[in-house]
């Protein structure tokens, strides 16, 4: 992994990143679960709706 990488985890808490491992390896990682809904609520809602409908089919 490139040492300049920053991981932005947008999954719901507790997220999907091993933050303890990232700290041990000096990898920057941030949990931002609300990011899509805060900055793109319409698009986020449409994508989520389509995923739910698809999973119910």
PDB file of N, CA and C in Angstrom:
ATOM      1  N   UNK A   1       0.844  -1.168   0.000  1.00  0.00           N
ATOM      2  CA  UNK A   1       0.000   0.000   0.000  1.00  0.00           C
ATOM      3  C   UNK A   1       0.893   1.235   0.000  1.00  0.00           C
ATOM      4  N   UNK A   2       0.517   2.200  -0.795  1.00  0.00           N
ATOM      5  CA  UNK A   2       1.229   3.468  -0.852  1.00  0.00           C
ATOM      6  C   UNK A   2       1.212   4.124   0.539  1.00  0.00           C
ATOM      7  N   UNK A   3       2.357   4.550   1.057  1.00  0.00           N
ATOM      8  CA  UNK A   3       2.391   5.148   2.396  1.00  0.00           C
ATOM      9  C   UNK A   3       1.634   6.466   2.501  1.00  0.00           C
ATOM     10  N   UNK A   4       1.280   7.070   1.378  1.00  0.00           N
ATOM     11  CA  UNK A   4       0.536   8.330   1.404  1.00  0.00           C
ATOM     12  C   UNK A   4      -0.974   8.127   1.393  1.00  0.00           C
ATOM     13  N   UNK A   5      -1.425   6.869   1.414  1.00  0.00           N
ATOM     14  CA  UNK A   5      -2.847   6.574   1.320  1.00  0.00           C
ATOM     15  C   UNK A   5      -3.586   7.026   2.585  1.00  0.00           C
ATOM     16  N   UNK A   6      -4.834   7.421   2.404  1.00  0.00           N
ATOM     17  CA  UNK A   6      -5.738   7.692   3.513  1.00  0.00           C
ATOM     18  C   UNK A   6      -6.999   6.888   3.252  1.00  0.00           C
ATOM     19  N   UNK A   7      -7.439   6.118   4.234  1.00  0.00           N
ATOM     20  CA  UNK A   7      -8.648   5.316   4.110  1.00  0.00           C
ATOM     21  C   UNK A   7      -9.803   6.104   4.704  1.00  0.00           C
ATOM     22  N   UNK A   8     -10.877   6.265   3.934  1.00  0.00           N
ATOM     23  CA  UNK A   8     -12.095   6.911   4.416  1.00  0.00           C
ATOM     24  C   UNK A   8     -13.180   5.840   4.401  1.00  0.00           C
ATOM     25  N   UNK A   9     -13.571   5.395   5.586  1.00  0.00           N
ATOM     26  CA  UNK A   9     -14.556   4.320   5.736  1.00  0.00           C
ATOM     27  C   UNK A   9     -15.937   4.953   5.876  1.00  0.00           C
ATOM     28  N   UNK A  10     -16.813   4.704   4.891  1.00  0.00           N
ATOM     29  CA  UNK A  10     -18.152   5.302   4.918  1.00  0.00           C
ATOM     30  C   UNK A  10     -19.217   4.303   5.366  1.00  0.00           C
ATOM     31  N   UNK A  11     -18.787   3.115   5.810  1.00  0.00           N
ATOM     32  CA  UNK A  11     -19.724   2.109   6.309  1.00  0.00           C
ATOM     33  C   UNK A  11     -20.293   2.560   7.656  1.00  0.00           C
ATOM     34  N   UNK A  12     -21.451   2.026   8.006  1.00  0.00           N
ATOM     35  CA  UNK A  12     -22.035   2.328   9.313  1.00  0.00           C
ATOM     36  C   UNK A  12     -21.102   1.836  10.413  1.00  0.00           C
ATOM     37  N   UNK A  13     -21.161   2.510  11.555  1.00  0.00           N
ATOM     38  CA  UNK A  13     -20.321   2.125  12.697  1.00  0.00           C
ATOM     39  C   UNK A  13     -20.591   0.674  13.059  1.00  0.00           C
ATOM     40  N   UNK A  14     -19.608  -0.114  13.346  1.00  0.00           N
ATOM     41  CA  UNK A  14     -18.223   0.234  13.621  1.00  0.00           C
ATOM     42  C   UNK A  14     -17.351   0.334  12.380  1.00  0.00           C
ATOM     43  N   UNK A  15     -17.929   0.266  11.201  1.00  0.00           N
ATOM     44  CA  UNK A  15     -17.149   0.376   9.970  1.00  0.00           C
ATOM     45  C   UNK A  15     -16.578  -0.958   9.548  1.00  0.00           C
ATOM     46  N   UNK A  16     -15.800  -0.934   8.488  1.00  0.00           N
ATOM     47  CA  UNK A  16     -15.234  -2.160   7.955  1.00  0.00           C
ATOM     48  C   UNK A  16     -13.720  -2.148   7.921  1.00  0.00           C
ATOM     49  N   UNK A  17     -13.126  -1.192   8.574  1.00  0.00           N
ATOM     50  CA  UNK A  17     -11.670  -1.054   8.573  1.00  0.00           C
ATOM     51  C   UNK A  17     -11.139  -1.457   9.944  1.00  0.00           C
ATOM     52  N   UNK A  18     -10.004  -2.137   9.965  1.00  0.00           N
ATOM     53  CA  UNK A  18      -9.342  -2.487  11.217  1.00  0.00           C
ATOM     54  C   UNK A  18      -8.496  -1.281  11.637  1.00  0.00           C
ATOM     55  N   UNK A  19      -9.107  -0.411  12.426  1.00  0.00           N
ATOM     56  CA  UNK A  19      -8.450   0.841  12.805  1.00  0.00           C
ATOM     57  C   UNK A  19      -7.241   0.613  13.711  1.00  0.00           C
ATOM     58  N   UNK A  20      -7.284  -0.431  14.551  1.00  0.00           N
ATOM     59  CA  UNK A  20      -6.118  -0.744  15.389  1.00  0.00           C
ATOM     60  C   UNK A  20      -4.921  -1.110  14.516  1.00  0.00           C
ATOM     61  N   UNK A  21      -5.151  -1.938  13.499  1.00  0.00           N
ATOM     62  CA  UNK A  21      -4.075  -2.307  12.579  1.00  0.00           C
ATOM     63  C   UNK A  21      -3.538  -1.068  11.862  1.00  0.00           C
ATOM     64  N   UNK A  22      -4.448  -0.214  11.426  1.00  0.00           N
ATOM     65  CA  UNK A  22      -4.020   1.010  10.733  1.00  0.00           C
ATOM     66  C   UNK A  22      -3.127   1.858  11.634  1.00  0.00           C
ATOM     67  N   UNK A  23      -3.504   2.008  12.900  1.00  0.00           N
ATOM     68  CA  UNK A  23      -2.674   2.776  13.834  1.00  0.00           C
ATOM     69  C   UNK A  23      -1.294   2.147  13.975  1.00  0.00           C
ATOM     70  N   UNK A  24      -1.255   0.809  14.113  1.00  0.00           N
ATOM     71  CA  UNK A  24       0.018   0.107  14.274  1.00  0.00           C
ATOM     72  C   UNK A  24       0.922   0.288  13.056  1.00  0.00           C
ATOM     73  N   UNK A  25       0.320   0.374  11.871  1.00  0.00           N
ATOM     74  CA  UNK A  25       1.084   0.489  10.630  1.00  0.00           C
ATOM     75  C   UNK A  25       1.255   1.938  10.168  1.00  0.00           C
ATOM     76  N   UNK A  26       0.808   2.892  10.987  1.00  0.00           N
ATOM     77  CA  UNK A  26       0.865   4.323  10.641  1.00  0.00           C
ATOM     78  C   UNK A  26       0.133   4.627   9.346  1.00  0.00           C
ATOM     79  N   UNK A  27      -1.034   3.998   9.173  1.00  0.00           N
ATOM     80  CA  UNK A  27      -1.900   4.256   8.022  1.00  0.00           C
ATOM     81  C   UNK A  27      -3.009   5.186   8.501  1.00  0.00           C
ATOM     82  N   UNK A  28      -3.206   6.273   7.790  1.00  0.00           N
ATOM     83  CA  UNK A  28      -4.278   7.201   8.149  1.00  0.00           C
ATOM     84  C   UNK A  28      -5.617   6.579   7.769  1.00  0.00           C
ATOM     85  N   UNK A  29      -6.549   6.547   8.719  1.00  0.00           N
ATOM     86  CA  UNK A  29      -7.879   5.997   8.471  1.00  0.00           C
ATOM     87  C   UNK A  29      -8.890   6.779   9.291  1.00  0.00           C
ATOM     88  N   UNK A  30     -10.028   7.049   8.692  1.00  0.00           N
ATOM     89  CA  UNK A  30     -11.062   7.858   9.344  1.00  0.00           C
ATOM     90  C   UNK A  30     -12.417   7.216   9.091  1.00  0.00           C
ATOM     91  N   UNK A  31     -13.240   7.100  10.129  1.00  0.00           N
ATOM     92  CA  UNK A  31     -14.605   6.600  10.008  1.00  0.00           C
ATOM     93  C   UNK A  31     -15.534   7.789   9.770  1.00  0.00           C
ATOM     94  N   UNK A  32     -16.208   7.795   8.630  1.00  0.00           N
ATOM     95  CA  UNK A  32     -17.111   8.884   8.246  1.00  0.00           C
ATOM     96  C   UNK A  32     -18.437   8.286   7.762  1.00  0.00           C
ATOM     97  N   UNK A  33     -19.206   7.649   8.661  1.00  0.00           N
ATOM     98  CA  UNK A  33     -20.390   6.911   8.219  1.00  0.00           C
ATOM     99  C   UNK A  33     -21.486   7.761   7.589  1.00  0.00           C
ATOM    100  N   UNK A  34     -21.599   9.009   7.912  1.00  0.00           N
ATOM    101  CA  UNK A  34     -22.661   9.833   7.367  1.00  0.00           C
ATOM    102  C   UNK A  34     -22.278  10.621   6.128  1.00  0.00           C
ATOM    103  N   UNK A  35     -21.059  10.459   5.674  1.00  0.00           N
ATOM    104  CA  UNK A  35     -20.540  11.279   4.580  1.00  0.00           C
ATOM    105  C   UNK A  35     -21.421  11.286   3.328  1.00  0.00           C
ATOM    106  N   UNK A  36     -21.824  10.133   2.786  1.00  0.00           N
ATOM    107  CA  UNK A  36     -22.648  10.182   1.568  1.00  0.00           C
ATOM    108  C   UNK A  36     -23.969  10.918   1.772  1.00  0.00           C
ATOM    109  N   UNK A  37     -24.647  10.644   2.882  1.00  0.00           N
ATOM    110  CA  UNK A  37     -25.945  11.278   3.129  1.00  0.00           C
ATOM    111  C   UNK A  37     -25.860  12.764   3.408  1.00  0.00           C
ATOM    112  N   UNK A  38     -24.745  13.192   3.978  1.00  0.00           N
ATOM    113  CA  UNK A  38     -24.575  14.610   4.304  1.00  0.00           C
ATOM    114  C   UNK A  38     -24.322  15.433   3.047  1.00  0.00           C
ATOM    115  N   UNK A  39     -23.471  14.910   2.162  1.00  0.00           N
ATOM    116  CA  UNK A  39     -23.045  15.705   1.010  1.00  0.00           C
ATOM    117  C   UNK A  39     -23.766  15.384  -0.287  1.00  0.00           C
ATOM    118  N   UNK A  40     -24.444  14.240  -0.353  1.00  0.00           N
ATOM    119  CA  UNK A  40     -25.176  13.876  -1.568  1.00  0.00           C
ATOM    120  C   UNK A  40     -26.432  13.089  -1.181  1.00  0.00           C
ATOM    121  N   UNK A  41     -27.342  13.712  -0.426  1.00  0.00           N
ATOM    122  CA  UNK A  41     -28.491  12.962   0.087  1.00  0.00           C
ATOM    123  C   UNK A  41     -29.390  12.373  -1.003  1.00  0.00           C
ATOM    124  N   UNK A  42     -29.636  13.105  -2.065  1.00  0.00           N
ATOM    125  CA  UNK A  42     -30.507  12.603  -3.128  1.00  0.00           C
ATOM    126  C   UNK A  42     -29.882  11.387  -3.803  1.00  0.00           C
ATOM    127  N   UNK A  43     -28.641  11.508  -4.208  1.00  0.00           N
ATOM    128  CA  UNK A  43     -27.949  10.389  -4.864  1.00  0.00           C
ATOM    129  C   UNK A  43     -27.812   9.201  -3.924  1.00  0.00           C
ATOM    130  N   UNK A  44     -27.490   9.467  -2.662  1.00  0.00           N
ATOM    131  CA  UNK A  44     -27.359   8.382  -1.689  1.00  0.00           C
ATOM    132  C   UNK A  44     -28.668   7.640  -1.517  1.00  0.00           C
ATOM    133  N   UNK A  45     -29.759   8.382  -1.431  1.00  0.00           N
ATOM    134  CA  UNK A  45     -31.075   7.761  -1.276  1.00  0.00           C
ATOM    135  C   UNK A  45     -31.436   6.926  -2.502  1.00  0.00           C
ATOM    136  N   UNK A  46     -31.164   7.438  -3.693  1.00  0.00           N
ATOM    137  CA  UNK A  46     -31.472   6.689  -4.913  1.00  0.00           C
ATOM    138  C   UNK A  46     -30.658   5.400  -5.001  1.00  0.00           C
ATOM    139  N   UNK A  47     -29.385   5.472  -4.689  1.00  0.00           N
ATOM    140  CA  UNK A  47     -28.525   4.282  -4.735  1.00  0.00           C
ATOM    141  C   UNK A  47     -28.976   3.259  -3.699  1.00  0.00           C
ATOM    142  N   UNK A  48     -29.285   3.717  -2.501  1.00  0.00           N
ATOM    143  CA  UNK A  48     -29.751   2.817  -1.455  1.00  0.00           C
ATOM    144  C   UNK A  48     -31.091   2.178  -1.843  1.00  0.00           C
ATOM    145  N   UNK A  49     -31.995   2.964  -2.379  1.00  0.00           N
ATOM    146  CA  UNK A  49     -33.290   2.442  -2.819  1.00  0.00           C
ATOM    147  C   UNK A  49     -33.103   1.364  -3.884  1.00  0.00           C
ATOM    148  N   UNK A  50     -32.281   1.645  -4.874  1.00  0.00           N
ATOM    149  CA  UNK A  50     -32.039   0.668  -5.944  1.00  0.00           C
ATOM    150  C   UNK A  50     -31.413  -0.612  -5.393  1.00  0.00           C
ATOM    151  N   UNK A  51     -30.501  -0.490  -4.451  1.00  0.00           N
ATOM    152  CA  UNK A  51     -29.875  -1.678  -3.859  1.00  0.00           C
ATOM    153  C   UNK A  51     -30.887  -2.507  -3.072  1.00  0.00           C
ATOM    154  N   UNK A  52     -31.780  -1.852  -2.350  1.00  0.00           N
ATOM    155  CA  UNK A  52     -32.797  -2.568  -1.577  1.00  0.00           C
ATOM    156  C   UNK A  52     -33.758  -3.282  -2.510  1.00  0.00           C
ATOM    157  N   UNK A  53     -34.238  -2.588  -3.524  1.00  0.00           N
ATOM    158  CA  UNK A  53     -35.156  -3.204  -4.487  1.00  0.00           C
ATOM    159  C   UNK A  53     -34.499  -4.402  -5.161  1.00  0.00           C
ATOM    160  N   UNK A  54     -33.236  -4.253  -5.558  1.00  0.00           N
ATOM    161  CA  UNK A  54     -32.521  -5.339  -6.210  1.00  0.00           C
ATOM    162  C   UNK A  54     -32.371  -6.540  -5.278  1.00  0.00           C
ATOM    163  N   UNK A  55     -32.090  -6.295  -4.001  1.00  0.00           N
ATOM    164  CA  UNK A  55     -31.901  -7.402  -3.062  1.00  0.00           C
ATOM    165  C   UNK A  55     -33.218  -8.110  -2.752  1.00  0.00           C
ATOM    166  N   UNK A  56     -34.341  -7.432  -2.945  1.00  0.00           N
ATOM    167  CA  UNK A  56     -35.643  -8.059  -2.691  1.00  0.00           C
ATOM    168  C   UNK A  56     -36.146  -8.855  -3.907  1.00  0.00           C
ATOM    169  N   UNK A  57     -35.531  -8.656  -5.050  1.00  0.00           N
ATOM    170  CA  UNK A  57     -35.970  -9.344  -6.281  1.00  0.00           C
ATOM    171  C   UNK A  57     -35.527 -10.779  -6.302  1.00  0.00           C
TER     172      UNK A  57
END
